[in-house]
Amino acid sequence: MSEKKLKWTRLDNASKIFPPTITNRDSKVFRLSCELNEPVVEEVLQEALNRAIKEFPHYQNILRRGFFWYYFEQSELIPVVTKESLPLCAPLYFKGEKSLLFRVFYFENNIRAEIFHGLSDGAGAIWFFETLIDDYFLLLRERLGSEALPPLASKASMSQKIDDSFEKAYDEKRVNSGASPKHKGKVYQIKGSKVDENKTKLIEGTLSVKEALTLSHEYDSTLTVFLTALLIHSIYQEMPAKSKSLPVVI
């Protein structure tokens, strides 16, 4: 019996930068999280993941290193849902190992996914995560004996699921013309002590969206701009006096 020929694809323009720049401090992994009102049912989440992966088959790709460049290779690896036990955004790519470039896990009433940035950008990851959550609730509803609902149609076409958003959004002429703001010169850099073993530290907080929106509107601002300004102001307040003249760039 002949072996099945595996398909391979090139990394898009934005993805090429991630594999060779992975370090112990920067795994190039990002996280998406959804908080539920009730504890997560592991077996239902696993079934939802099995469904979602069929709509996003490229999530079963593994990263391989060629003579000159990295490339994606199709695999038949099955993602397995686990209870959260790893540090935040732990590495997903290990040289020479055949492993998936994303993980789905849960903790109490939180569903979380961590994704290697070379596999997907933020937009594609959100489409995948939304599909996973939709499938989870549909399956949970069936499990509870409630009236079955039709599966929700994905908002993204197959081409969009594997799209190179950088190629669409990046405008070289605009950047070179100076239309996009770009600071030149010395800027303030936050300093602090490193976490043991170069792990990432997560600090979580909650706030009322309604109250935050009300406050941002008092400053005639959007929520995003208001929170960004608040972050800059908070950094400025903690800056030593000798650095106050340096700009804070986000």
C-alpha atoms as a PDB file:
ATOM      1  CA  MET A   1       0.000   0.000   0.000  1.00  0.00           C
ATOM      2  CA  SER A   2       1.427   3.380  -1.003  1.00  0.00           C
ATOM      3  CA  GLU A   3       1.766   6.055   1.645  1.00  0.00           C
ATOM      4  CA  LYS A   4      -0.667   8.944   1.576  1.00  0.00           C
ATOM      5  CA  LYS A   5       0.965  12.021   0.070  1.00  0.00           C
ATOM      6  CA  LEU A   6       0.827  14.903   2.507  1.00  0.00           C
ATOM      7  CA  LYS A   7      -0.086  18.374   1.303  1.00  0.00           C
ATOM      8  CA  TRP A   8       2.063  21.353   2.164  1.00  0.00           C
ATOM      9  CA  THR A   9       1.569  25.103   1.916  1.00  0.00           C
ATOM     10  CA  ARG A  10       3.791  28.153   2.139  1.00  0.00           C
ATOM     11  CA  LEU A  11       3.602  30.543   5.062  1.00  0.00           C
ATOM     12  CA  ASP A  12       2.011  33.857   4.128  1.00  0.00           C
ATOM     13  CA  ASN A  13       3.978  37.090   4.226  1.00  0.00           C
ATOM     14  CA  ALA A  14       3.138  37.985   7.831  1.00  0.00           C
ATOM     15  CA  SER A  15       3.707  34.445   9.147  1.00  0.00           C
ATOM     16  CA  LYS A  16       7.275  34.150   7.867  1.00  0.00           C
ATOM     17  CA  ILE A  17       8.644  36.383  10.626  1.00  0.00           C
ATOM     18  CA  PHE A  18       7.388  34.257  13.542  1.00  0.00           C
ATOM     19  CA  PRO A  19       9.178  30.851  13.378  1.00  0.00           C
ATOM     20  CA  PRO A  20      12.766  32.178  13.266  1.00  0.00           C
ATOM     21  CA  THR A  21      12.135  34.781  15.972  1.00  0.00           C
ATOM     22  CA  ILE A  22      10.767  32.489  18.705  1.00  0.00           C
ATOM     23  CA  THR A  23      12.676  32.865  21.978  1.00  0.00           C
ATOM     24  CA  ASN A  24      12.327  31.581  25.532  1.00  0.00           C
ATOM     25  CA  ARG A  25      10.731  34.901  26.475  1.00  0.00           C
ATOM     26  CA  ASP A  26       8.537  35.247  23.391  1.00  0.00           C
ATOM     27  CA  SER A  27       6.760  32.105  22.194  1.00  0.00           C
ATOM     28  CA  LYS A  28       4.763  33.984  19.513  1.00  0.00           C
ATOM     29  CA  VAL A  29       1.612  32.495  21.045  1.00  0.00           C
ATOM     30  CA  PHE A  30      -1.513  34.491  21.884  1.00  0.00           C
ATOM     31  CA  ARG A  31      -4.618  33.624  23.882  1.00  0.00           C
ATOM     32  CA  LEU A  32      -8.382  33.963  23.444  1.00  0.00           C
ATOM     33  CA  SER A  33     -10.713  33.372  26.384  1.00  0.00           C
ATOM     34  CA  CYS A  34     -14.459  33.083  26.961  1.00  0.00           C
ATOM     35  CA  GLU A  35     -15.955  33.153  30.453  1.00  0.00           C
ATOM     36  CA  LEU A  36     -19.193  31.207  30.952  1.00  0.00           C
ATOM     37  CA  ASN A  37     -21.772  31.373  33.720  1.00  0.00           C
ATOM     38  CA  GLU A  38     -21.341  27.681  34.531  1.00  0.00           C
ATOM     39  CA  PRO A  39     -18.428  25.204  34.710  1.00  0.00           C
ATOM     40  CA  VAL A  40     -17.208  23.867  31.363  1.00  0.00           C
ATOM     41  CA  VAL A  41     -18.218  20.302  30.444  1.00  0.00           C
ATOM     42  CA  GLU A  42     -15.023  18.764  29.055  1.00  0.00           C
ATOM     43  CA  GLU A  43     -16.569  16.074  26.851  1.00  0.00           C
ATOM     44  CA  VAL A  44     -18.940  18.588  25.244  1.00  0.00           C
ATOM     45  CA  LEU A  45     -16.057  20.961  24.567  1.00  0.00           C
ATOM     46  CA  GLN A  46     -14.102  18.102  22.979  1.00  0.00           C
ATOM     47  CA  GLU A  47     -17.002  17.288  20.673  1.00  0.00           C
ATOM     48  CA  ALA A  48     -17.330  20.967  19.789  1.00  0.00           C
ATOM     49  CA  LEU A  49     -13.625  21.077  18.950  1.00  0.00           C
ATOM     50  CA  ASN A  50     -14.013  18.009  16.731  1.00  0.00           C
ATOM     51  CA  ARG A  51     -16.702  19.881  14.811  1.00  0.00           C
ATOM     52  CA  ALA A  52     -14.851  23.176  14.612  1.00  0.00           C
ATOM     53  CA  ILE A  53     -11.669  21.616  13.272  1.00  0.00           C
ATOM     54  CA  LYS A  54     -13.617  20.313  10.268  1.00  0.00           C
ATOM     55  CA  GLU A  55     -14.457  23.900   9.322  1.00  0.00           C
ATOM     56  CA  PHE A  56     -10.874  25.013   9.866  1.00  0.00           C
ATOM     57  CA  PRO A  57      -8.805  22.099   8.489  1.00  0.00           C
ATOM     58  CA  HIS A  58      -5.635  24.206   8.267  1.00  0.00           C
ATOM     59  CA  TYR A  59      -5.566  24.178  12.072  1.00  0.00           C
ATOM     60  CA  GLN A  60      -4.340  20.588  11.755  1.00  0.00           C
ATOM     61  CA  ASN A  61      -1.218  21.774   9.949  1.00  0.00           C
ATOM     62  CA  ILE A  62       2.164  21.307  11.566  1.00  0.00           C
ATOM     63  CA  LEU A  63       5.191  23.525  11.016  1.00  0.00           C
ATOM     64  CA  ARG A  64       8.180  22.019   9.232  1.00  0.00           C
ATOM     65  CA  ARG A  65      11.549  23.518   8.434  1.00  0.00           C
ATOM     66  CA  GLY A  66      12.863  23.165   4.909  1.00  0.00           C
ATOM     67  CA  PHE A  67      16.353  23.862   3.606  1.00  0.00           C
ATOM     68  CA  PHE A  68      15.608  27.529   2.974  1.00  0.00           C
ATOM     69  CA  TRP A  69      12.266  28.253   4.620  1.00  0.00           C
ATOM     70  CA  TYR A  70       9.529  27.021   6.945  1.00  0.00           C
ATOM     71  CA  TYR A  71       6.333  25.526   5.562  1.00  0.00           C
ATOM     72  CA  PHE A  72       3.059  24.008   6.774  1.00  0.00           C
ATOM     73  CA  GLU A  73       2.422  20.304   6.323  1.00  0.00           C
ATOM     74  CA  GLN A  74      -0.974  18.649   6.557  1.00  0.00           C
ATOM     75  CA  SER A  75      -1.357  16.238   9.459  1.00  0.00           C
ATOM     76  CA  GLU A  76      -3.964  13.905  10.889  1.00  0.00           C
ATOM     77  CA  LEU A  77      -3.246  14.874  14.489  1.00  0.00           C
ATOM     78  CA  ILE A  78      -6.393  15.231  16.584  1.00  0.00           C
ATOM     79  CA  PRO A  79      -6.523  18.141  19.051  1.00  0.00           C
ATOM     80  CA  VAL A  80      -7.403  17.089  22.595  1.00  0.00           C
ATOM     81  CA  VAL A  81      -9.118  19.338  25.133  1.00  0.00           C
ATOM     82  CA  THR A  82      -7.334  19.472  28.488  1.00  0.00           C
ATOM     83  CA  LYS A  83      -7.728  21.190  31.823  1.00  0.00           C
ATOM     84  CA  GLU A  84      -5.444  24.219  32.069  1.00  0.00           C
ATOM     85  CA  SER A  85      -2.085  23.311  33.579  1.00  0.00           C
ATOM     86  CA  LEU A  86       0.567  25.099  31.503  1.00  0.00           C
ATOM     87  CA  PRO A  87       1.964  28.604  31.969  1.00  0.00           C
ATOM     88  CA  LEU A  88       0.321  31.406  30.006  1.00  0.00           C
ATOM     89  CA  CYS A  89       1.091  31.196  26.254  1.00  0.00           C
ATOM     90  CA  ALA A  90       3.524  28.302  26.648  1.00  0.00           C
ATOM     91  CA  PRO A  91       5.413  27.407  23.428  1.00  0.00           C
ATOM     92  CA  LEU A  92       3.559  25.462  20.752  1.00  0.00           C
ATOM     93  CA  TYR A  93       6.312  24.964  18.200  1.00  0.00           C
ATOM     94  CA  PHE A  94       9.258  22.747  19.050  1.00  0.00           C
ATOM     95  CA  LYS A  95      11.962  22.190  16.465  1.00  0.00           C
ATOM     96  CA  GLY A  96      11.846  18.664  15.071  1.00  0.00           C
ATOM     97  CA  GLU A  97       8.552  17.737  16.757  1.00  0.00           C
ATOM     98  CA  LYS A  98       5.269  17.105  14.974  1.00  0.00           C
ATOM     99  CA  SER A  99       2.774  19.008  17.088  1.00  0.00           C
ATOM    100  CA  LEU A 100      -0.305  21.112  16.459  1.00  0.00           C
ATOM    101  CA  LEU A 101       0.121  24.860  16.599  1.00  0.00           C
ATOM    102  CA  PHE A 102      -2.826  25.560  18.868  1.00  0.00           C
ATOM    103  CA  ARG A 103      -4.350  24.211  22.051  1.00  0.00           C
ATOM    104  CA  VAL A 104      -7.841  24.340  23.564  1.00  0.00           C
ATOM    105  CA  PHE A 105      -8.280  23.997  27.310  1.00  0.00           C
ATOM    106  CA  TYR A 106     -10.564  25.034  30.138  1.00  0.00           C
ATOM    107  CA  PHE A 107     -10.446  26.084  33.759  1.00  0.00           C
ATOM    108  CA  GLU A 108     -13.605  26.138  35.857  1.00  0.00           C
ATOM    109  CA  ASN A 109     -16.006  28.259  33.764  1.00  0.00           C
ATOM    110  CA  ASN A 110     -13.463  29.514  31.215  1.00  0.00           C
ATOM    111  CA  ILE A 111     -12.853  28.186  27.709  1.00  0.00           C
ATOM    112  CA  ARG A 112      -9.474  29.219  26.336  1.00  0.00           C
ATOM    113  CA  ALA A 113      -7.516  28.773  23.142  1.00  0.00           C
ATOM    114  CA  GLU A 114      -3.855  29.555  22.545  1.00  0.00           C
ATOM    115  CA  ILE A 115      -2.629  29.865  18.983  1.00  0.00           C
ATOM    116  CA  PHE A 116       0.783  30.210  17.378  1.00  0.00           C
ATOM    117  CA  HIS A 117       0.796  33.524  15.529  1.00  0.00           C
ATOM    118  CA  GLY A 118       2.346  31.925  12.460  1.00  0.00           C
ATOM    119  CA  LEU A 119      -0.728  29.704  12.065  1.00  0.00           C
ATOM    120  CA  SER A 120      -3.331  32.453  12.220  1.00  0.00           C
ATOM    121  CA  ASP A 121      -3.727  36.159  12.739  1.00  0.00           C
ATOM    122  CA  GLY A 122      -6.178  37.619  15.234  1.00  0.00           C
ATOM    123  CA  ALA A 123      -9.110  37.799  12.816  1.00  0.00           C
ATOM    124  CA  GLY A 124      -8.835  34.158  11.746  1.00  0.00           C
ATOM    125  CA  ALA A 125      -8.375  33.024  15.344  1.00  0.00           C
ATOM    126  CA  ILE A 126     -11.512  34.857  16.437  1.00  0.00           C
ATOM    127  CA  TRP A 127     -13.525  33.188  13.658  1.00  0.00           C
ATOM    128  CA  PHE A 128     -12.243  29.804  14.812  1.00  0.00           C
ATOM    129  CA  PHE A 129     -12.936  30.573  18.475  1.00  0.00           C
ATOM    130  CA  GLU A 130     -16.446  31.858  17.737  1.00  0.00           C
ATOM    131  CA  THR A 131     -17.198  28.642  15.837  1.00  0.00           C
ATOM    132  CA  LEU A 132     -15.906  26.573  18.759  1.00  0.00           C
ATOM    133  CA  ILE A 133     -18.064  28.444  21.280  1.00  0.00           C
ATOM    134  CA  ASP A 134     -21.142  28.279  19.028  1.00  0.00           C
ATOM    135  CA  ASP A 135     -20.726  24.519  18.621  1.00  0.00           C
ATOM    136  CA  TYR A 136     -20.230  24.101  22.371  1.00  0.00           C
ATOM    137  CA  PHE A 137     -23.531  25.756  23.208  1.00  0.00           C
ATOM    138  CA  LEU A 138     -25.398  23.887  20.471  1.00  0.00           C
ATOM    139  CA  LEU A 139     -24.118  20.553  21.770  1.00  0.00           C
ATOM    140  CA  LEU A 140     -24.743  21.512  25.390  1.00  0.00           C
ATOM    141  CA  ARG A 141     -28.324  22.412  24.511  1.00  0.00           C
ATOM    142  CA  GLU A 142     -28.809  18.998  22.894  1.00  0.00           C
ATOM    143  CA  ARG A 143     -27.275  17.305  25.951  1.00  0.00           C
ATOM    144  CA  LEU A 144     -29.757  19.048  28.239  1.00  0.00           C
ATOM    145  CA  GLY A 145     -32.643  17.866  26.081  1.00  0.00           C
ATOM    146  CA  SER A 146     -33.565  21.327  24.881  1.00  0.00           C
ATOM    147  CA  GLU A 147     -34.968  21.956  21.439  1.00  0.00           C
ATOM    148  CA  ALA A 148     -32.221  21.482  18.867  1.00  0.00           C
ATOM    149  CA  LEU A 149     -31.011  24.536  17.006  1.00  0.00           C
ATOM    150  CA  PRO A 150     -29.462  24.610  13.526  1.00  0.00           C
ATOM    151  CA  PRO A 151     -25.682  25.077  13.449  1.00  0.00           C
ATOM    152  CA  LEU A 152     -24.693  28.706  13.062  1.00  0.00           C
ATOM    153  CA  ALA A 153     -23.204  29.547   9.686  1.00  0.00           C
ATOM    154  CA  SER A 154     -19.600  30.677   9.853  1.00  0.00           C
ATOM    155  CA  LYS A 155     -19.118  34.376   9.178  1.00  0.00           C
ATOM    156  CA  ALA A 156     -15.952  33.620   7.249  1.00  0.00           C
ATOM    157  CA  SER A 157     -15.526  31.978   3.868  1.00  0.00           C
ATOM    158  CA  MET A 158     -12.858  29.307   3.449  1.00  0.00           C
ATOM    159  CA  SER A 159     -10.548  31.820   1.788  1.00  0.00           C
ATOM    160  CA  GLN A 160     -11.037  34.266   4.668  1.00  0.00           C
ATOM    161  CA  LYS A 161     -10.206  31.563   7.218  1.00  0.00           C
ATOM    162  CA  ILE A 162      -6.726  31.254   5.746  1.00  0.00           C
ATOM    163  CA  ASP A 163      -6.416  34.862   4.562  1.00  0.00           C
ATOM    164  CA  ASP A 164      -3.278  36.947   4.864  1.00  0.00           C
ATOM    165  CA  SER A 165      -4.703  40.020   6.594  1.00  0.00           C
ATOM    166  CA  PHE A 166      -1.304  41.706   6.585  1.00  0.00           C
ATOM    167  CA  GLU A 167      -1.211  41.652   2.793  1.00  0.00           C
ATOM    168  CA  LYS A 168      -4.679  43.232   2.657  1.00  0.00           C
ATOM    169  CA  ALA A 169      -4.192  45.858   5.343  1.00  0.00           C
ATOM    170  CA  TYR A 170      -0.571  46.868   4.844  1.00  0.00           C
ATOM    171  CA  ASP A 171      -0.155  49.898   2.605  1.00  0.00           C
ATOM    172  CA  GLU A 172       3.526  50.446   1.818  1.00  0.00           C
ATOM    173  CA  LYS A 173       2.881  53.759   0.053  1.00  0.00           C
ATOM    174  CA  ARG A 174       1.002  55.074   3.085  1.00  0.00           C
ATOM    175  CA  VAL A 175       3.768  54.048   5.467  1.00  0.00           C
ATOM    176  CA  ASN A 176       6.557  55.455   3.311  1.00  0.00           C
ATOM    177  CA  SER A 177       4.673  58.704   2.760  1.00  0.00           C
ATOM    178  CA  GLY A 178       4.570  59.351   6.486  1.00  0.00           C
ATOM    179  CA  ALA A 179       0.759  59.204   6.613  1.00  0.00           C
ATOM    180  CA  SER A 180       0.990  56.592   9.355  1.00  0.00           C
ATOM    181  CA  PRO A 181       2.371  57.983  12.632  1.00  0.00           C
ATOM    182  CA  LYS A 182       5.795  56.608  13.444  1.00  0.00           C
ATOM    183  CA  HIS A 183       7.950  57.956  16.239  1.00  0.00           C
ATOM    184  CA  LYS A 184      11.660  58.303  15.665  1.00  0.00           C
ATOM    185  CA  GLY A 185      14.116  58.678  18.474  1.00  0.00           C
ATOM    186  CA  LYS A 186      14.411  57.516  22.069  1.00  0.00           C
ATOM    187  CA  VAL A 187      11.233  56.469  23.888  1.00  0.00           C
ATOM    188  CA  TYR A 188      10.496  55.344  27.439  1.00  0.00           C
ATOM    189  CA  GLN A 189      10.860  51.616  28.085  1.00  0.00           C
ATOM    190  CA  ILE A 190       9.214  49.966  31.064  1.00  0.00           C
ATOM    191  CA  LYS A 191      11.691  48.142  33.270  1.00  0.00           C
ATOM    192  CA  GLY A 192      11.140  45.501  35.901  1.00  0.00           C
ATOM    193  CA  SER A 193      12.264  42.144  37.246  1.00  0.00           C
ATOM    194  CA  LYS A 194      11.946  39.030  35.100  1.00  0.00           C
ATOM    195  CA  VAL A 195       9.585  36.234  36.051  1.00  0.00           C
ATOM    196  CA  ASP A 196      11.270  32.903  36.836  1.00  0.00           C
ATOM    197  CA  GLU A 197      12.054  30.744  33.786  1.00  0.00           C
ATOM    198  CA  ASN A 198      11.032  33.628  31.496  1.00  0.00           C
ATOM    199  CA  LYS A 199       7.354  32.807  32.004  1.00  0.00           C
ATOM    200  CA  THR A 200       4.641  35.320  31.171  1.00  0.00           C
ATOM    201  CA  LYS A 201       2.737  36.754  34.128  1.00  0.00           C
ATOM    202  CA  LEU A 202      -0.990  37.399  33.822  1.00  0.00           C
ATOM    203  CA  ILE A 203      -2.933  39.874  35.945  1.00  0.00           C
ATOM    204  CA  GLU A 204      -6.695  39.742  35.444  1.00  0.00           C
ATOM    205  CA  GLY A 205      -9.238  42.384  36.329  1.00  0.00           C
ATOM    206  CA  THR A 206     -12.922  43.028  35.704  1.00  0.00           C
ATOM    207  CA  LEU A 207     -14.881  46.205  35.182  1.00  0.00           C
ATOM    208  CA  SER A 208     -18.336  47.259  34.082  1.00  0.00           C
ATOM    209  CA  VAL A 209     -18.428  47.887  30.328  1.00  0.00           C
ATOM    210  CA  LYS A 210     -21.405  50.196  30.809  1.00  0.00           C
ATOM    211  CA  GLU A 211     -19.564  52.339  33.361  1.00  0.00           C
ATOM    212  CA  ALA A 212     -16.377  52.348  31.270  1.00  0.00           C
ATOM    213  CA  LEU A 213     -18.320  53.497  28.197  1.00  0.00           C
ATOM    214  CA  THR A 214     -20.041  56.219  30.196  1.00  0.00           C
ATOM    215  CA  LEU A 215     -16.694  57.481  31.467  1.00  0.00           C
ATOM    216  CA  SER A 216     -15.097  57.402  28.012  1.00  0.00           C
ATOM    217  CA  HIS A 217     -18.041  59.364  26.565  1.00  0.00           C
ATOM    218  CA  GLU A 218     -17.518  62.020  29.236  1.00  0.00           C
ATOM    219  CA  TYR A 219     -14.130  62.593  27.606  1.00  0.00           C
ATOM    220  CA  ASP A 220     -15.723  62.559  24.142  1.00  0.00           C
ATOM    221  CA  SER A 221     -13.777  59.409  23.324  1.00  0.00           C
ATOM    222  CA  THR A 222     -14.284  55.823  22.220  1.00  0.00           C
ATOM    223  CA  LEU A 223     -13.670  53.050  24.730  1.00  0.00           C
ATOM    224  CA  THR A 224     -10.530  51.883  22.895  1.00  0.00           C
ATOM    225  CA  VAL A 225      -8.969  55.350  22.774  1.00  0.00           C
ATOM    226  CA  PHE A 226      -9.922  56.020  26.404  1.00  0.00           C
ATOM    227  CA  LEU A 227      -8.348  52.786  27.688  1.00  0.00           C
ATOM    228  CA  THR A 228      -5.215  53.406  25.618  1.00  0.00           C
ATOM    229  CA  ALA A 229      -4.913  56.925  27.034  1.00  0.00           C
ATOM    230  CA  LEU A 230      -5.450  55.539  30.536  1.00  0.00           C
ATOM    231  CA  LEU A 231      -2.650  53.023  29.983  1.00  0.00           C
ATOM    232  CA  ILE A 232      -0.276  55.760  28.804  1.00  0.00           C
ATOM    233  CA  HIS A 233      -1.209  57.958  31.774  1.00  0.00           C
ATOM    234  CA  SER A 234      -0.654  55.064  34.203  1.00  0.00           C
ATOM    235  CA  ILE A 235       2.794  54.407  32.752  1.00  0.00           C
ATOM    236  CA  TYR A 236       3.644  58.111  32.953  1.00  0.00           C
ATOM    237  CA  GLN A 237       2.681  58.238  36.632  1.00  0.00           C
ATOM    238  CA  GLU A 238       5.143  55.445  37.434  1.00  0.00           C
ATOM    239  CA  MET A 239       8.016  56.889  35.390  1.00  0.00           C
ATOM    240  CA  PRO A 240      11.057  58.137  37.316  1.00  0.00           C
ATOM    241  CA  ALA A 241      11.534  61.909  37.222  1.00  0.00           C
ATOM    242  CA  LYS A 242      14.584  61.700  34.951  1.00  0.00           C
ATOM    243  CA  SER A 243      12.526  59.918  32.275  1.00  0.00           C
ATOM    244  CA  LYS A 244       9.498  62.235  32.282  1.00  0.00           C
ATOM    245  CA  SER A 245      10.711  63.999  29.141  1.00  0.00           C
ATOM    246  CA  LEU A 246      10.636  60.785  27.087  1.00  0.00           C
ATOM    247  CA  PRO A 247       7.499  59.962  25.075  1.00  0.00           C
ATOM    248  CA  VAL A 248       5.414  56.880  25.939  1.00  0.00           C
ATOM    249  CA  VAL A 249       4.736  54.939  22.751  1.00  0.00           C
ATOM    250  CA  ILE A 250       2.138  52.167  22.690  1.00  0.00           C
END
